[in-house]
Amino acid sequence: MADEKEIKQGQINIELSEEVAQGEYSNLAVITHSNAEFIVDFVSMMPGTPKARVKSRIILAPQHAKRLLKALNDNVRKFESQHGEINDIEPGNAPFPMNFGPAAEA
């Protein structure tokens, strides 16, 4: 009989610390890339405030960025099938400019 703590083939044992489990609120993501990586800065921006703070930066290999894109698409489809369509913010109604930040190439 296999030990219960033994990890089955293809499974990953992921640990989540209490600090990380609290999460960080982000209402904006700024994405840049180079030929070797994608950088996603998660930002918390308060309306009417000219300054925002990066709360977390995630650096991904291009292959992982593409997997993340597919996983997000899949999860948005599942969410919308259960809760209805997510209404996107119209560019003119966004609480902050949508054309700021660094260029797409790092």
PDB file of N, CA and C in Angstrom:
ATOM      1  N   MET A   1       0.846  -1.190   0.000  1.00  0.00           N
ATOM      2  CA  MET A   1       0.000   0.000   0.000  1.00  0.00           C
ATOM      3  C   MET A   1       0.888   1.249   0.000  1.00  0.00           C
ATOM      4  N   ALA A   2       0.549   2.184  -0.850  1.00  0.00           N
ATOM      5  CA  ALA A   2       1.367   3.389  -0.997  1.00  0.00           C
ATOM      6  C   ALA A   2       1.179   4.315   0.204  1.00  0.00           C
ATOM      7  N   ASP A   3       2.251   4.998   0.584  1.00  0.00           N
ATOM      8  CA  ASP A   3       2.208   5.965   1.667  1.00  0.00           C
ATOM      9  C   ASP A   3       1.341   7.147   1.229  1.00  0.00           C
ATOM     10  N   GLU A   4       0.450   7.645   2.121  1.00  0.00           N
ATOM     11  CA  GLU A   4      -0.440   8.759   1.770  1.00  0.00           C
ATOM     12  C   GLU A   4       0.330  10.027   1.429  1.00  0.00           C
ATOM     13  N   LYS A   5       1.524  10.173   1.978  1.00  0.00           N
ATOM     14  CA  LYS A   5       2.324  11.362   1.709  1.00  0.00           C
ATOM     15  C   LYS A   5       3.047  11.273   0.373  1.00  0.00           C
ATOM     16  N   GLU A   6       3.041  10.085  -0.220  1.00  0.00           N
ATOM     17  CA  GLU A   6       3.726   9.915  -1.498  1.00  0.00           C
ATOM     18  C   GLU A   6       2.973  10.689  -2.579  1.00  0.00           C
ATOM     19  N   ILE A   7       3.715  11.428  -3.378  1.00  0.00           N
ATOM     20  CA  ILE A   7       3.105  12.205  -4.456  1.00  0.00           C
ATOM     21  C   ILE A   7       2.895  11.294  -5.656  1.00  0.00           C
ATOM     22  N   LYS A   8       1.664  11.290  -6.157  1.00  0.00           N
ATOM     23  CA  LYS A   8       1.346  10.473  -7.321  1.00  0.00           C
ATOM     24  C   LYS A   8       2.013  11.048  -8.562  1.00  0.00           C
ATOM     25  N   GLN A   9       2.218  10.207  -9.545  1.00  0.00           N
ATOM     26  CA  GLN A   9       2.823  10.612 -10.811  1.00  0.00           C
ATOM     27  C   GLN A   9       2.046  11.790 -11.403  1.00  0.00           C
ATOM     28  N   GLY A  10       2.740  12.866 -11.750  1.00  0.00           N
ATOM     29  CA  GLY A  10       2.107  14.019 -12.400  1.00  0.00           C
ATOM     30  C   GLY A  10       1.495  15.023 -11.440  1.00  0.00           C
ATOM     31  N   GLN A  11       1.515  14.779 -10.143  1.00  0.00           N
ATOM     32  CA  GLN A  11       0.961  15.727  -9.182  1.00  0.00           C
ATOM     33  C   GLN A  11       2.089  16.527  -8.537  1.00  0.00           C
ATOM     34  N   ILE A  12       1.751  17.742  -8.120  1.00  0.00           N
ATOM     35  CA  ILE A  12       2.725  18.611  -7.473  1.00  0.00           C
ATOM     36  C   ILE A  12       2.196  18.962  -6.085  1.00  0.00           C
ATOM     37  N   ASN A  13       3.033  18.878  -5.087  1.00  0.00           N
ATOM     38  CA  ASN A  13       2.678  19.275  -3.741  1.00  0.00           C
ATOM     39  C   ASN A  13       3.025  20.753  -3.602  1.00  0.00           C
ATOM     40  N   ILE A  14       2.014  21.610  -3.516  1.00  0.00           N
ATOM     41  CA  ILE A  14       2.229  23.055  -3.457  1.00  0.00           C
ATOM     42  C   ILE A  14       1.936  23.551  -2.049  1.00  0.00           C
ATOM     43  N   GLU A  15       2.888  24.296  -1.486  1.00  0.00           N
ATOM     44  CA  GLU A  15       2.699  24.882  -0.162  1.00  0.00           C
ATOM     45  C   GLU A  15       2.325  26.353  -0.312  1.00  0.00           C
ATOM     46  N   LEU A  16       1.442  26.819   0.557  1.00  0.00           N
ATOM     47  CA  LEU A  16       0.982  28.203   0.543  1.00  0.00           C
ATOM     48  C   LEU A  16       1.127  28.761   1.954  1.00  0.00           C
ATOM     49  N   SER A  17       2.059  29.708   2.119  1.00  0.00           N
ATOM     50  CA  SER A  17       2.261  30.307   3.440  1.00  0.00           C
ATOM     51  C   SER A  17       1.075  31.198   3.785  1.00  0.00           C
ATOM     52  N   GLU A  18       0.896  31.463   5.081  1.00  0.00           N
ATOM     53  CA  GLU A  18      -0.207  32.327   5.515  1.00  0.00           C
ATOM     54  C   GLU A  18      -0.078  33.728   4.927  1.00  0.00           C
ATOM     55  N   GLU A  19       1.153  34.223   4.859  1.00  0.00           N
ATOM     56  CA  GLU A  19       1.391  35.567   4.321  1.00  0.00           C
ATOM     57  C   GLU A  19       0.965  35.659   2.857  1.00  0.00           C
ATOM     58  N   VAL A  20       1.370  34.679   2.060  1.00  0.00           N
ATOM     59  CA  VAL A  20       1.022  34.680   0.640  1.00  0.00           C
ATOM     60  C   VAL A  20      -0.472  34.412   0.456  1.00  0.00           C
ATOM     61  N   ALA A  21      -1.054  33.576   1.318  1.00  0.00           N
ATOM     62  CA  ALA A  21      -2.479  33.248   1.216  1.00  0.00           C
ATOM     63  C   ALA A  21      -3.367  34.472   1.395  1.00  0.00           C
ATOM     64  N   GLN A  22      -2.870  35.508   2.085  1.00  0.00           N
ATOM     65  CA  GLN A  22      -3.641  36.740   2.260  1.00  0.00           C
ATOM     66  C   GLN A  22      -3.860  37.446   0.924  1.00  0.00           C
ATOM     67  N   GLY A  23      -2.945  37.256  -0.005  1.00  0.00           N
ATOM     68  CA  GLY A  23      -3.061  37.846  -1.329  1.00  0.00           C
ATOM     69  C   GLY A  23      -2.774  39.332  -1.342  1.00  0.00           C
ATOM     70  N   GLU A  24      -2.736  39.878  -2.527  1.00  0.00           N
ATOM     71  CA  GLU A  24      -2.575  41.310  -2.752  1.00  0.00           C
ATOM     72  C   GLU A  24      -3.665  41.746  -3.707  1.00  0.00           C
ATOM     73  N   TYR A  25      -4.338  42.849  -3.412  1.00  0.00           N
ATOM     74  CA  TYR A  25      -5.359  43.373  -4.311  1.00  0.00           C
ATOM     75  C   TYR A  25      -4.683  44.106  -5.455  1.00  0.00           C
ATOM     76  N   SER A  26      -5.132  43.841  -6.670  1.00  0.00           N
ATOM     77  CA  SER A  26      -4.618  44.520  -7.850  1.00  0.00           C
ATOM     78  C   SER A  26      -5.790  44.862  -8.763  1.00  0.00           C
ATOM     79  N   ASN A  27      -5.816  46.088  -9.248  1.00  0.00           N
ATOM     80  CA  ASN A  27      -6.845  46.474 -10.208  1.00  0.00           C
ATOM     81  C   ASN A  27      -6.235  46.901 -11.537  1.00  0.00           C
ATOM     82  N   LEU A  28      -4.953  46.583 -11.705  1.00  0.00           N
ATOM     83  CA  LEU A  28      -4.264  46.909 -12.940  1.00  0.00           C
ATOM     84  C   LEU A  28      -3.059  45.984 -13.100  1.00  0.00           C
ATOM     85  N   ALA A  29      -2.843  45.506 -14.299  1.00  0.00           N
ATOM     86  CA  ALA A  29      -1.644  44.730 -14.602  1.00  0.00           C
ATOM     87  C   ALA A  29      -0.940  45.388 -15.786  1.00  0.00           C
ATOM     88  N   VAL A  30       0.354  45.600 -15.641  1.00  0.00           N
ATOM     89  CA  VAL A  30       1.177  46.167 -16.712  1.00  0.00           C
ATOM     90  C   VAL A  30       2.079  45.036 -17.192  1.00  0.00           C
ATOM     91  N   ILE A  31       1.996  44.738 -18.475  1.00  0.00           N
ATOM     92  CA  ILE A  31       2.735  43.604 -19.036  1.00  0.00           C
ATOM     93  C   ILE A  31       3.760  44.111 -20.038  1.00  0.00           C
ATOM     94  N   THR A  32       5.002  43.700 -19.837  1.00  0.00           N
ATOM     95  CA  THR A  32       6.075  43.998 -20.780  1.00  0.00           C
ATOM     96  C   THR A  32       6.763  42.684 -21.126  1.00  0.00           C
ATOM     97  N   HIS A  33       7.554  42.709 -22.178  1.00  0.00           N
ATOM     98  CA  HIS A  33       8.259  41.480 -22.550  1.00  0.00           C
ATOM     99  C   HIS A  33       9.555  41.796 -23.285  1.00  0.00           C
ATOM    100  N   SER A  34      10.439  40.817 -23.242  1.00  0.00           N
ATOM    101  CA  SER A  34      11.666  40.846 -24.028  1.00  0.00           C
ATOM    102  C   SER A  34      11.651  39.567 -24.853  1.00  0.00           C
ATOM    103  N   ASN A  35      12.753  39.254 -25.521  1.00  0.00           N
ATOM    104  CA  ASN A  35      12.782  38.014 -26.296  1.00  0.00           C
ATOM    105  C   ASN A  35      12.874  36.786 -25.394  1.00  0.00           C
ATOM    106  N   ALA A  36      13.145  36.968 -24.093  1.00  0.00           N
ATOM    107  CA  ALA A  36      13.350  35.830 -23.206  1.00  0.00           C
ATOM    108  C   ALA A  36      12.303  35.684 -22.104  1.00  0.00           C
ATOM    109  N   GLU A  37      11.526  36.749 -21.837  1.00  0.00           N
ATOM    110  CA  GLU A  37      10.610  36.671 -20.704  1.00  0.00           C
ATOM    111  C   GLU A  37       9.462  37.657 -20.810  1.00  0.00           C
ATOM    112  N   PHE A  38       8.398  37.359 -20.083  1.00  0.00           N
ATOM    113  CA  PHE A  38       7.264  38.260 -19.902  1.00  0.00           C
ATOM    114  C   PHE A  38       7.307  38.726 -18.459  1.00  0.00           C
ATOM    115  N   ILE A  39       7.078  40.014 -18.246  1.00  0.00           N
ATOM    116  CA  ILE A  39       7.054  40.573 -16.905  1.00  0.00           C
ATOM    117  C   ILE A  39       5.658  41.142 -16.676  1.00  0.00           C
ATOM    118  N   VAL A  40       5.015  40.679 -15.620  1.00  0.00           N
ATOM    119  CA  VAL A  40       3.675  41.152 -15.277  1.00  0.00           C
ATOM    120  C   VAL A  40       3.773  41.850 -13.928  1.00  0.00           C
ATOM    121  N   ASP A  41       3.520  43.155 -13.934  1.00  0.00           N
ATOM    122  CA  ASP A  41       3.479  43.940 -12.701  1.00  0.00           C
ATOM    123  C   ASP A  41       2.016  44.117 -12.308  1.00  0.00           C
ATOM    124  N   PHE A  42       1.669  43.637 -11.110  1.00  0.00           N
ATOM    125  CA  PHE A  42       0.319  43.801 -10.583  1.00  0.00           C
ATOM    126  C   PHE A  42       0.327  45.046  -9.709  1.00  0.00           C
ATOM    127  N   VAL A  43      -0.575  45.978 -10.045  1.00  0.00           N
ATOM    128  CA  VAL A  43      -0.578  47.314  -9.453  1.00  0.00           C
ATOM    129  C   VAL A  43      -1.893  47.548  -8.720  1.00  0.00           C
ATOM    130  N   SER A  44      -1.813  48.275  -7.623  1.00  0.00           N
ATOM    131  CA  SER A  44      -3.005  48.740  -6.915  1.00  0.00           C
ATOM    132  C   SER A  44      -3.076  50.241  -7.113  1.00  0.00           C
ATOM    133  N   MET A  45      -4.106  50.668  -7.840  1.00  0.00           N
ATOM    134  CA  MET A  45      -4.238  52.084  -8.190  1.00  0.00           C
ATOM    135  C   MET A  45      -5.534  52.629  -7.602  1.00  0.00           C
ATOM    136  N   MET A  46      -5.440  53.702  -6.852  1.00  0.00           N
ATOM    137  CA  MET A  46      -6.622  54.322  -6.267  1.00  0.00           C
ATOM    138  C   MET A  46      -7.129  55.410  -7.207  1.00  0.00           C
ATOM    139  N   PRO A  47      -8.444  55.455  -7.450  1.00  0.00           N
ATOM    140  CA  PRO A  47      -9.000  56.500  -8.333  1.00  0.00           C
ATOM    141  C   PRO A  47      -8.659  57.889  -7.818  1.00  0.00           C
ATOM    142  N   GLY A  48      -8.308  58.757  -8.734  1.00  0.00           N
ATOM    143  CA  GLY A  48      -7.999  60.139  -8.386  1.00  0.00           C
ATOM    144  C   GLY A  48      -6.613  60.349  -7.810  1.00  0.00           C
ATOM    145  N   THR A  49      -5.831  59.280  -7.719  1.00  0.00           N
ATOM    146  CA  THR A  49      -4.474  59.380  -7.187  1.00  0.00           C
ATOM    147  C   THR A  49      -3.489  59.248  -8.339  1.00  0.00           C
ATOM    148  N   PRO A  50      -2.565  60.195  -8.496  1.00  0.00           N
ATOM    149  CA  PRO A  50      -1.658  60.153  -9.639  1.00  0.00           C
ATOM    150  C   PRO A  50      -0.530  59.121  -9.514  1.00  0.00           C
ATOM    151  N   LYS A  51      -0.406  58.504  -8.357  1.00  0.00           N
ATOM    152  CA  LYS A  51       0.683  57.567  -8.139  1.00  0.00           C
ATOM    153  C   LYS A  51       0.110  56.194  -7.794  1.00  0.00           C
ATOM    154  N   ALA A  52       0.739  55.154  -8.322  1.00  0.00           N
ATOM    155  CA  ALA A  52       0.307  53.788  -8.031  1.00  0.00           C
ATOM    156  C   ALA A  52       1.515  52.962  -7.622  1.00  0.00           C
ATOM    157  N   ARG A  53       1.275  51.893  -6.907  1.00  0.00           N
ATOM    158  CA  ARG A  53       2.371  51.061  -6.404  1.00  0.00           C
ATOM    159  C   ARG A  53       2.261  49.651  -6.967  1.00  0.00           C
ATOM    160  N   VAL A  54       3.400  49.132  -7.452  1.00  0.00           N
ATOM    161  CA  VAL A  54       3.453  47.729  -7.885  1.00  0.00           C
ATOM    162  C   VAL A  54       3.403  46.885  -6.625  1.00  0.00           C
ATOM    163  N   LYS A  55       2.417  45.985  -6.552  1.00  0.00           N
ATOM    164  CA  LYS A  55       2.253  45.121  -5.386  1.00  0.00           C
ATOM    165  C   LYS A  55       2.985  43.801  -5.560  1.00  0.00           C
ATOM    166  N   SER A  56       3.129  43.372  -6.814  1.00  0.00           N
ATOM    167  CA  SER A  56       3.798  42.101  -7.078  1.00  0.00           C
ATOM    168  C   SER A  56       4.284  42.088  -8.519  1.00  0.00           C
ATOM    169  N   ARG A  57       5.436  41.479  -8.740  1.00  0.00           N
ATOM    170  CA  ARG A  57       5.985  41.324 -10.093  1.00  0.00           C
ATOM    171  C   ARG A  57       6.211  39.841 -10.325  1.00  0.00           C
ATOM    172  N   ILE A  58       5.676  39.353 -11.439  1.00  0.00           N
ATOM    173  CA  ILE A  58       5.856  37.956 -11.818  1.00  0.00           C
ATOM    174  C   ILE A  58       6.604  37.929 -13.145  1.00  0.00           C
ATOM    175  N   ILE A  59       7.668  37.143 -13.215  1.00  0.00           N
ATOM    176  CA  ILE A  59       8.465  37.012 -14.427  1.00  0.00           C
ATOM    177  C   ILE A  59       8.260  35.599 -14.956  1.00  0.00           C
ATOM    178  N   LEU A  60       7.859  35.507 -16.219  1.00  0.00           N
ATOM    179  CA  LEU A  60       7.511  34.221 -16.834  1.00  0.00           C
ATOM    180  C   LEU A  60       8.315  33.974 -18.102  1.00  0.00           C
ATOM    181  N   ALA A  61       8.644  32.719 -18.336  1.00  0.00           N
ATOM    182  CA  ALA A  61       9.185  32.323 -19.636  1.00  0.00           C
ATOM    183  C   ALA A  61       8.043  32.444 -20.653  1.00  0.00           C
ATOM    184  N   PRO A  62       8.336  32.702 -21.926  1.00  0.00           N
ATOM    185  CA  PRO A  62       7.272  32.831 -22.928  1.00  0.00           C
ATOM    186  C   PRO A  62       6.314  31.634 -22.945  1.00  0.00           C
ATOM    187  N   GLN A  63       6.831  30.431 -22.782  1.00  0.00           N
ATOM    188  CA  GLN A  63       5.979  29.240 -22.791  1.00  0.00           C
ATOM    189  C   GLN A  63       5.006  29.261 -21.607  1.00  0.00           C
ATOM    190  N   HIS A  64       5.467  29.704 -20.453  1.00  0.00           N
ATOM    191  CA  HIS A  64       4.595  29.776 -19.289  1.00  0.00           C
ATOM    192  C   HIS A  64       3.572  30.900 -19.440  1.00  0.00           C
ATOM    193  N   ALA A  65       3.955  31.999 -20.072  1.00  0.00           N
ATOM    194  CA  ALA A  65       3.012  33.092 -20.321  1.00  0.00           C
ATOM    195  C   ALA A  65       1.875  32.602 -21.204  1.00  0.00           C
ATOM    196  N   LYS A  66       2.209  31.807 -22.212  1.00  0.00           N
ATOM    197  CA  LYS A  66       1.163  31.279 -23.102  1.00  0.00           C
ATOM    198  C   LYS A  66       0.250  30.308 -22.360  1.00  0.00           C
ATOM    199  N   ARG A  67       0.834  29.475 -21.488  1.00  0.00           N
ATOM    200  CA  ARG A  67       0.014  28.568 -20.672  1.00  0.00           C
ATOM    201  C   ARG A  67      -0.901  29.348 -19.739  1.00  0.00           C
ATOM    202  N   LEU A  68      -0.389  30.442 -19.156  1.00  0.00           N
ATOM    203  CA  LEU A  68      -1.205  31.288 -18.290  1.00  0.00           C
ATOM    204  C   LEU A  68      -2.362  31.890 -19.075  1.00  0.00           C
ATOM    205  N   LEU A  69      -2.092  32.373 -20.283  1.00  0.00           N
ATOM    206  CA  LEU A  69      -3.142  32.923 -21.139  1.00  0.00           C
ATOM    207  C   LEU A  69      -4.240  31.890 -21.382  1.00  0.00           C
ATOM    208  N   LYS A  70      -3.857  30.670 -21.724  1.00  0.00           N
ATOM    209  CA  LYS A  70      -4.838  29.606 -21.971  1.00  0.00           C
ATOM    210  C   LYS A  70      -5.633  29.286 -20.707  1.00  0.00           C
ATOM    211  N   ALA A  71      -4.943  29.230 -19.567  1.00  0.00           N
ATOM    212  CA  ALA A  71      -5.622  28.919 -18.309  1.00  0.00           C
ATOM    213  C   ALA A  71      -6.601  30.031 -17.925  1.00  0.00           C
ATOM    214  N   LEU A  72      -6.211  31.292 -18.116  1.00  0.00           N
ATOM    215  CA  LEU A  72      -7.117  32.404 -17.824  1.00  0.00           C
ATOM    216  C   LEU A  72      -8.333  32.375 -18.748  1.00  0.00           C
ATOM    217  N   ASN A  73      -8.112  32.129 -20.047  1.00  0.00           N
ATOM    218  CA  ASN A  73      -9.240  32.029 -20.987  1.00  0.00           C
ATOM    219  C   ASN A  73     -10.208  30.940 -20.564  1.00  0.00           C
ATOM    220  N   ASP A  74      -9.675  29.775 -20.198  1.00  0.00           N
ATOM    221  CA  ASP A  74     -10.502  28.654 -19.774  1.00  0.00           C
ATOM    222  C   ASP A  74     -11.293  29.011 -18.517  1.00  0.00           C
ATOM    223  N   ASN A  75     -10.640  29.633 -17.552  1.00  0.00           N
ATOM    224  CA  ASN A  75     -11.316  29.991 -16.308  1.00  0.00           C
ATOM    225  C   ASN A  75     -12.347  31.097 -16.499  1.00  0.00           C
ATOM    226  N   VAL A  76     -12.097  32.058 -17.366  1.00  0.00           N
ATOM    227  CA  VAL A  76     -13.084  33.101 -17.647  1.00  0.00           C
ATOM    228  C   VAL A  76     -14.312  32.476 -18.304  1.00  0.00           C
ATOM    229  N   ARG A  77     -14.104  31.549 -19.257  1.00  0.00           N
ATOM    230  CA  ARG A  77     -15.245  30.864 -19.888  1.00  0.00           C
ATOM    231  C   ARG A  77     -16.076  30.111 -18.839  1.00  0.00           C
ATOM    232  N   LYS A  78     -15.403  29.406 -17.938  1.00  0.00           N
ATOM    233  CA  LYS A  78     -16.113  28.660 -16.893  1.00  0.00           C
ATOM    234  C   LYS A  78     -16.880  29.610 -15.967  1.00  0.00           C
ATOM    235  N   PHE A  79     -16.241  30.703 -15.575  1.00  0.00           N
ATOM    236  CA  PHE A  79     -16.879  31.691 -14.709  1.00  0.00           C
ATOM    237  C   PHE A  79     -18.132  32.247 -15.381  1.00  0.00           C
ATOM    238  N   GLU A  80     -17.990  32.651 -16.655  1.00  0.00           N
ATOM    239  CA  GLU A  80     -19.121  33.251 -17.365  1.00  0.00           C
ATOM    240  C   GLU A  80     -20.255  32.247 -17.590  1.00  0.00           C
ATOM    241  N   SER A  81     -19.933  30.990 -17.752  1.00  0.00           N
ATOM    242  CA  SER A  81     -21.000  29.990 -17.925  1.00  0.00           C
ATOM    243  C   SER A  81     -21.805  29.826 -16.636  1.00  0.00           C
ATOM    244  N   GLN A  82     -21.188  30.092 -15.486  1.00  0.00           N
ATOM    245  CA  GLN A  82     -21.881  29.974 -14.203  1.00  0.00           C
ATOM    246  C   GLN A  82     -22.522  31.278 -13.743  1.00  0.00           C
ATOM    247  N   HIS A  83     -21.888  32.415 -14.058  1.00  0.00           N
ATOM    248  CA  HIS A  83     -22.309  33.696 -13.482  1.00  0.00           C
ATOM    249  C   HIS A  83     -22.728  34.749 -14.503  1.00  0.00           C
ATOM    250  N   GLY A  84     -22.659  34.447 -15.769  1.00  0.00           N
ATOM    251  CA  GLY A  84     -22.993  35.419 -16.796  1.00  0.00           C
ATOM    252  C   GLY A  84     -21.768  36.160 -17.294  1.00  0.00           C
ATOM    253  N   GLU A  85     -21.967  36.880 -18.390  1.00  0.00           N
ATOM    254  CA  GLU A  85     -20.852  37.566 -19.043  1.00  0.00           C
ATOM    255  C   GLU A  85     -20.245  38.642 -18.153  1.00  0.00           C
ATOM    256  N   ILE A  86     -18.934  38.718 -18.171  1.00  0.00           N
ATOM    257  CA  ILE A  86     -18.199  39.777 -17.471  1.00  0.00           C
ATOM    258  C   ILE A  86     -18.182  40.982 -18.401  1.00  0.00           C
ATOM    259  N   ASN A  87     -18.700  42.107 -17.939  1.00  0.00           N
ATOM    260  CA  ASN A  87     -18.700  43.322 -18.749  1.00  0.00           C
ATOM    261  C   ASN A  87     -17.337  43.972 -18.689  1.00  0.00           C
ATOM    262  N   ASP A  88     -16.756  44.219 -19.852  1.00  0.00           N
ATOM    263  CA  ASP A  88     -15.449  44.862 -19.926  1.00  0.00           C
ATOM    264  C   ASP A  88     -15.619  46.362 -19.750  1.00  0.00           C
ATOM    265  N   ILE A  89     -14.585  47.021 -19.268  1.00  0.00           N
ATOM    266  CA  ILE A  89     -14.601  48.473 -19.115  1.00  0.00           C
ATOM    267  C   ILE A  89     -14.319  49.096 -20.472  1.00  0.00           C
ATOM    268  N   GLU A  90     -15.166  50.028 -20.863  1.00  0.00           N
ATOM    269  CA  GLU A  90     -14.946  50.761 -22.112  1.00  0.00           C
ATOM    270  C   GLU A  90     -13.744  51.672 -21.921  1.00  0.00           C
ATOM    271  N   PRO A  91     -12.852  51.773 -22.945  1.00  0.00           N
ATOM    272  CA  PRO A  91     -11.639  52.596 -22.793  1.00  0.00           C
ATOM    273  C   PRO A  91     -11.909  54.015 -22.300  1.00  0.00           C
ATOM    274  N   GLY A  92     -12.972  54.660 -22.741  1.00  0.00           N
ATOM    275  CA  GLY A  92     -13.282  56.029 -22.313  1.00  0.00           C
ATOM    276  C   GLY A  92     -13.798  56.115 -20.888  1.00  0.00           C
ATOM    277  N   ASN A  93     -14.234  54.971 -20.330  1.00  0.00           N
ATOM    278  CA  ASN A  93     -14.800  54.968 -18.976  1.00  0.00           C
ATOM    279  C   ASN A  93     -13.854  54.377 -17.936  1.00  0.00           C
ATOM    280  N   ALA A  94     -12.641  54.063 -18.335  1.00  0.00           N
ATOM    281  CA  ALA A  94     -11.680  53.483 -17.396  1.00  0.00           C
ATOM    282  C   ALA A  94     -11.298  54.526 -16.349  1.00  0.00           C
ATOM    283  N   PRO A  95     -11.130  54.109 -15.085  1.00  0.00           N
ATOM    284  CA  PRO A  95     -10.779  55.078 -14.038  1.00  0.00           C
ATOM    285  C   PRO A  95      -9.334  55.570 -14.117  1.00  0.00           C
ATOM    286  N   PHE A  96      -8.564  55.049 -15.067  1.00  0.00           N
ATOM    287  CA  PHE A  96      -7.178  55.477 -15.259  1.00  0.00           C
ATOM    288  C   PHE A  96      -6.842  55.301 -16.723  1.00  0.00           C
ATOM    289  N   PRO A  97      -5.833  56.003 -17.228  1.00  0.00           N
ATOM    290  CA  PRO A  97      -5.498  55.896 -18.651  1.00  0.00           C
ATOM    291  C   PRO A  97      -5.057  54.479 -19.013  1.00  0.00           C
ATOM    292  N   MET A  98      -5.434  54.022 -20.195  1.00  0.00           N
ATOM    293  CA  MET A  98      -5.104  52.674 -20.628  1.00  0.00           C
ATOM    294  C   MET A  98      -3.864  52.647 -21.518  1.00  0.00           C
ATOM    295  N   ASN A  99      -3.247  53.797 -21.750  1.00  0.00           N
ATOM    296  CA  ASN A  99      -2.095  53.854 -22.654  1.00  0.00           C
ATOM    297  C   ASN A  99      -0.854  54.381 -21.956  1.00  0.00           C
ATOM    298  N   PHE A 100      -0.640  53.974 -20.717  1.00  0.00           N
ATOM    299  CA  PHE A 100       0.532  54.435 -19.990  1.00  0.00           C
ATOM    300  C   PHE A 100       1.461  53.259 -19.744  1.00  0.00           C
ATOM    301  N   GLY A 101       2.577  53.544 -19.150  1.00  0.00           N
ATOM    302  CA  GLY A 101       3.514  52.473 -18.787  1.00  0.00           C
ATOM    303  C   GLY A 101       4.553  52.275 -19.863  1.00  0.00           C
ATOM    304  N   PRO A 102       5.432  51.309 -19.640  1.00  0.00           N
ATOM    305  CA  PRO A 102       6.525  51.067 -20.588  1.00  0.00           C
ATOM    306  C   PRO A 102       6.019  50.485 -21.889  1.00  0.00           C
ATOM    307  N   ALA A 103       6.830  50.589 -22.913  1.00  0.00           N
ATOM    308  CA  ALA A 103       6.492  50.021 -24.214  1.00  0.00           C
ATOM    309  C   ALA A 103       6.442  48.506 -24.119  1.00  0.00           C
ATOM    310  N   ALA A 104       5.872  47.851 -25.102  1.00  0.00           N
ATOM    311  CA  ALA A 104       5.705  46.405 -25.083  1.00  0.00           C
ATOM    312  C   ALA A 104       7.022  45.645 -25.126  1.00  0.00           C
ATOM    313  N   GLU A 105       8.042  46.253 -25.637  1.00  0.00           N
ATOM    314  CA  GLU A 105       9.361  45.595 -25.701  1.00  0.00           C
ATOM    315  C   GLU A 105      10.239  46.114 -24.582  1.00  0.00           C
ATOM    316  N   ALA A 106      10.813  45.195 -23.808  1.00  0.00           N
ATOM    317  CA  ALA A 106      11.697  45.616 -22.716  1.00  0.00           C
ATOM    318  C   ALA A 106      13.147  45.565 -23.167  1.00  0.00           C
TER     319      ALA A 106
END
